[in-house]
C-alpha atoms as a PDB file:
ATOM      1  CA  MET A   1      46.554  -2.866 -62.069  1.00  0.00           C
ATOM      2  CA  HIS A   2      43.821  -5.461 -61.781  1.00  0.00           C
ATOM      3  CA  THR A   3      43.854  -5.138 -57.979  1.00  0.00           C
ATOM      4  CA  ARG A   4      43.590  -1.424 -58.297  1.00  0.00           C
ATOM      5  CA  THR A   5      40.379  -1.676 -60.239  1.00  0.00           C
ATOM      6  CA  TRP A   6      38.919  -3.988 -57.517  1.00  0.00           C
ATOM      7  CA  VAL A   7      39.780  -1.640 -54.813  1.00  0.00           C
ATOM      8  CA  LYS A   8      38.094   1.151 -56.642  1.00  0.00           C
ATOM      9  CA  ALA A   9      35.056  -0.742 -57.333  1.00  0.00           C
ATOM     10  CA  ILE A  10      34.814  -1.891 -53.684  1.00  0.00           C
ATOM     11  CA  THR A  11      35.380   1.665 -52.492  1.00  0.00           C
ATOM     12  CA  ALA A  12      32.660   2.930 -54.769  1.00  0.00           C
ATOM     13  CA  GLY A  13      30.098   0.154 -53.902  1.00  0.00           C
ATOM     14  CA  ALA A  14      30.924   0.875 -50.078  1.00  0.00           C
ATOM     15  CA  ALA A  15      30.508   4.774 -50.638  1.00  0.00           C
ATOM     16  CA  MET A  16      27.038   4.035 -52.309  1.00  0.00           C
ATOM     17  CA  CYS A  17      25.897   1.437 -49.855  1.00  0.00           C
ATOM     18  CA  ILE A  18      26.836   3.569 -46.898  1.00  0.00           C
ATOM     19  CA  GLY A  19      26.680   7.071 -48.299  1.00  0.00           C
ATOM     20  CA  GLY A  20      23.324   6.720 -49.991  1.00  0.00           C
ATOM     21  CA  PRO A  21      21.275   5.854 -46.848  1.00  0.00           C
ATOM     22  CA  ALA A  22      23.295   8.358 -44.863  1.00  0.00           C
ATOM     23  CA  LEU A  23      22.486  11.011 -47.401  1.00  0.00           C
ATOM     24  CA  VAL A  24      18.813  10.195 -47.209  1.00  0.00           C
ATOM     25  CA  TYR A  25      18.817  10.338 -43.408  1.00  0.00           C
ATOM     26  CA  TYR A  26      20.663  13.610 -43.223  1.00  0.00           C
ATOM     27  CA  VAL A  27      18.388  15.347 -45.994  1.00  0.00           C
ATOM     28  CA  SER A  28      14.947  13.822 -44.578  1.00  0.00           C
ATOM     29  CA  PRO A  29      13.168  16.121 -42.232  1.00  0.00           C
ATOM     30  CA  THR A  30      11.911  14.926 -38.858  1.00  0.00           C
ATOM     31  CA  GLU A  31       8.346  14.621 -37.752  1.00  0.00           C
ATOM     32  CA  GLU A  32       8.849  17.802 -35.666  1.00  0.00           C
ATOM     33  CA  GLU A  33      10.277  19.749 -38.492  1.00  0.00           C
ATOM     34  CA  LEU A  34       7.308  18.725 -40.763  1.00  0.00           C
ATOM     35  CA  PHE A  35       4.860  19.562 -38.081  1.00  0.00           C
ATOM     36  CA  LYS A  36       6.177  23.200 -37.498  1.00  0.00           C
ATOM     37  CA  LYS A  37       5.683  23.781 -41.347  1.00  0.00           C
ATOM     38  CA  TYR A  38       2.091  22.933 -40.947  1.00  0.00           C
ATOM     39  CA  ASN A  39      -0.593  25.540 -41.205  1.00  0.00           C
ATOM     40  CA  PRO A  40      -1.650  26.442 -37.568  1.00  0.00           C
ATOM     41  CA  ASP A  41      -5.243  25.042 -38.375  1.00  0.00           C
ATOM     42  CA  LEU A  42      -3.692  21.918 -39.409  1.00  0.00           C
ATOM     43  CA  GLN A  43      -1.408  21.763 -36.439  1.00  0.00           C
ATOM     44  CA  LYS A  44      -4.538  22.081 -34.184  1.00  0.00           C
ATOM     45  CA  ARG A  45      -6.405  19.399 -35.986  1.00  0.00           C
ATOM     46  CA  ALA A  46      -3.389  17.161 -35.959  1.00  0.00           C
ATOM     47  CA  LEU A  47      -3.157  17.523 -32.143  1.00  0.00           C
ATOM     48  CA  GLU A  48      -6.806  17.044 -31.640  1.00  0.00           C
ATOM     49  CA  THR A  49      -6.825  13.750 -33.612  1.00  0.00           C
ATOM     50  CA  ARG A  50      -3.506  12.486 -32.475  1.00  0.00           C
ATOM     51  CA  GLN A  51      -4.937  10.331 -29.652  1.00  0.00           C
ATOM     52  CA  ALA A  52      -7.627   8.765 -31.756  1.00  0.00           C
ATOM     53  CA  ARG A  53      -5.117   7.884 -34.572  1.00  0.00           C
ATOM     54  CA  GLN A  54      -2.646   6.201 -32.092  1.00  0.00           C
ATOM     55  CA  GLU A  55      -5.505   4.281 -30.594  1.00  0.00           C
ATOM     56  CA  GLU A  56      -6.595   3.175 -34.063  1.00  0.00           C
ATOM     57  CA  PHE A  57      -3.187   2.125 -35.097  1.00  0.00           C
ATOM     58  CA  GLU A  58      -2.511   0.098 -31.705  1.00  0.00           C
ATOM     59  CA  GLU A  59      -5.830  -1.643 -32.427  1.00  0.00           C
ATOM     60  CA  PHE A  60      -4.673  -2.402 -35.928  1.00  0.00           C
ATOM     61  CA  VAL A  61      -1.453  -3.949 -34.731  1.00  0.00           C
ATOM     62  CA  THR A  62      -3.294  -6.061 -32.116  1.00  0.00           C
ATOM     63  CA  GLN A  63      -5.605  -7.449 -34.757  1.00  0.00           C
ATOM     64  CA  LEU A  64      -2.673  -8.119 -37.103  1.00  0.00           C
ATOM     65  CA  LYS A  65      -0.981  -9.987 -34.176  1.00  0.00           C
ATOM     66  CA  GLU A  66      -4.201 -12.018 -33.600  1.00  0.00           C
ATOM     67  CA  TYR A  67      -4.463 -12.692 -37.298  1.00  0.00           C
ATOM     68  CA  SER A  68      -0.686 -13.851 -37.536  1.00  0.00           C
ATOM     69  CA  LYS A  69      -1.394 -16.647 -34.869  1.00  0.00           C
ATOM     70  CA  SER A  70      -3.465 -18.538 -37.418  1.00  0.00           C
ATOM     71  CA  ASP A  71      -1.924 -21.047 -39.964  1.00  0.00           C
ATOM     72  CA  LYS A  72      -3.833 -19.113 -42.706  1.00  0.00           C
ATOM     73  CA  PRO A  73      -2.545 -15.801 -44.450  1.00  0.00           C
ATOM     74  CA  ILE A  74      -3.348 -12.658 -42.632  1.00  0.00           C
ATOM     75  CA  TRP A  75      -5.645 -11.499 -45.465  1.00  0.00           C
ATOM     76  CA  ALA A  76      -7.754 -14.683 -45.497  1.00  0.00           C
ATOM     77  CA  VAL A  77      -8.249 -14.505 -41.700  1.00  0.00           C
ATOM     78  CA  GLN A  78      -9.067 -10.777 -42.054  1.00  0.00           C
ATOM     79  CA  LYS A  79     -11.706 -11.486 -44.559  1.00  0.00           C
ATOM     80  CA  GLU A  80     -13.107 -14.161 -42.446  1.00  0.00           C
ATOM     81  CA  VAL A  81     -13.394 -11.731 -39.592  1.00  0.00           C
ATOM     82  CA  GLU A  82     -14.929  -9.008 -41.693  1.00  0.00           C
ATOM     83  CA  ARG A  83     -17.492 -11.584 -42.971  1.00  0.00           C
ATOM     84  CA  ARG A  84     -18.203 -12.593 -39.509  1.00  0.00           C
ATOM     85  CA  ASN A  85     -18.808  -9.045 -38.352  1.00  0.00           C
ATOM     86  CA  ALA A  86     -20.893  -8.164 -41.409  1.00  0.00           C
ATOM     87  CA  GLU A  87     -23.058 -11.186 -40.520  1.00  0.00           C
ATOM     88  CA  ALA A  88     -23.329  -9.979 -36.767  1.00  0.00           C
ATOM     89  CA  ARG A  89     -24.252  -6.420 -37.878  1.00  0.00           C
ATOM     90  CA  THR A  90     -26.959  -7.855 -40.291  1.00  0.00           C
ATOM     91  CA  LYS A  91     -28.398 -10.028 -37.553  1.00  0.00           C
ATOM     92  CA  LYS A  92     -28.344  -7.109 -35.062  1.00  0.00           C
ATOM     93  CA  LEU A  93     -29.986  -4.908 -37.567  1.00  0.00           C
ATOM     94  CA  ARG A  94     -32.709  -7.563 -38.263  1.00  0.00           C
ATOM     95  CA  GLU A  95     -33.420  -7.922 -34.579  1.00  0.00           C
ATOM     96  CA  GLU A  96     -33.670  -4.256 -34.305  1.00  0.00           C
ATOM     97  CA  GLN A  97     -36.188  -3.980 -37.094  1.00  0.00           C
ATOM     98  CA  ALA A  98     -38.107  -6.905 -35.743  1.00  0.00           C
ATOM     99  CA  SER A  99     -38.254  -5.090 -32.282  1.00  0.00           C
ATOM    100  CA  VAL A 100     -39.325  -1.926 -34.075  1.00  0.00           C
ATOM    101  CA  ALA A 101     -41.992  -3.701 -36.028  1.00  0.00           C
ATOM    102  CA  ALA A 102     -43.285  -5.490 -32.838  1.00  0.00           C
ATOM    103  CA  GLU A 103     -43.466  -2.039 -31.118  1.00  0.00           C
ATOM    104  CA  ILE A 104     -45.410  -0.611 -33.919  1.00  0.00           C
ATOM    105  CA  GLU A 105     -47.795  -3.371 -34.091  1.00  0.00           C
ATOM    106  CA  LYS A 106     -48.373  -3.164 -30.259  1.00  0.00           C
ATOM    107  CA  ARG A 107     -49.171   0.472 -30.679  1.00  0.00           C
ATOM    108  CA  ARG A 108     -51.465  -0.270 -33.434  1.00  0.00           C
ATOM    109  CA  ASP A 109     -53.392  -2.769 -31.323  1.00  0.00           C
ATOM    110  CA  GLU A 110     -53.515  -0.243 -28.442  1.00  0.00           C
ATOM    111  CA  ILE A 111     -54.939   2.400 -30.743  1.00  0.00           C
ATOM    112  CA  ARG A 112     -57.505  -0.048 -32.090  1.00  0.00           C
ATOM    113  CA  SER A 113     -58.518  -1.195 -28.714  1.00  0.00           C
ATOM    114  CA  SER A 114     -58.921   2.229 -27.316  1.00  0.00           C
ATOM    115  CA  THR A 115     -61.266   3.376 -30.176  1.00  0.00           C
ATOM    116  CA  LYS A 116     -63.607   0.447 -29.977  1.00  0.00           C
END
């Protein structure tokens, strides 16, 4: 009797461990089935943006691979890179503002010299 209980328990466990994922796989729709259920406008928009989304994803994966080469955690490396990029953008913006200010000052000088 004790053996029969064990056999039942093992059979039930195997049915759940194998049958559960199999049921989910059977019931889940494929990407193609989901896409066919889209509104035609959404289908058109999804097709138009597919290439851009794939490129963004590939870029993201490439960055993750680079970040994983470091000894630090990925999120720490990502924060450092974001900080460096923000500093670079700030520096570039300051340079652009300085060049615009220099151009404005140059034009003012030209106007002043032409009026004298």
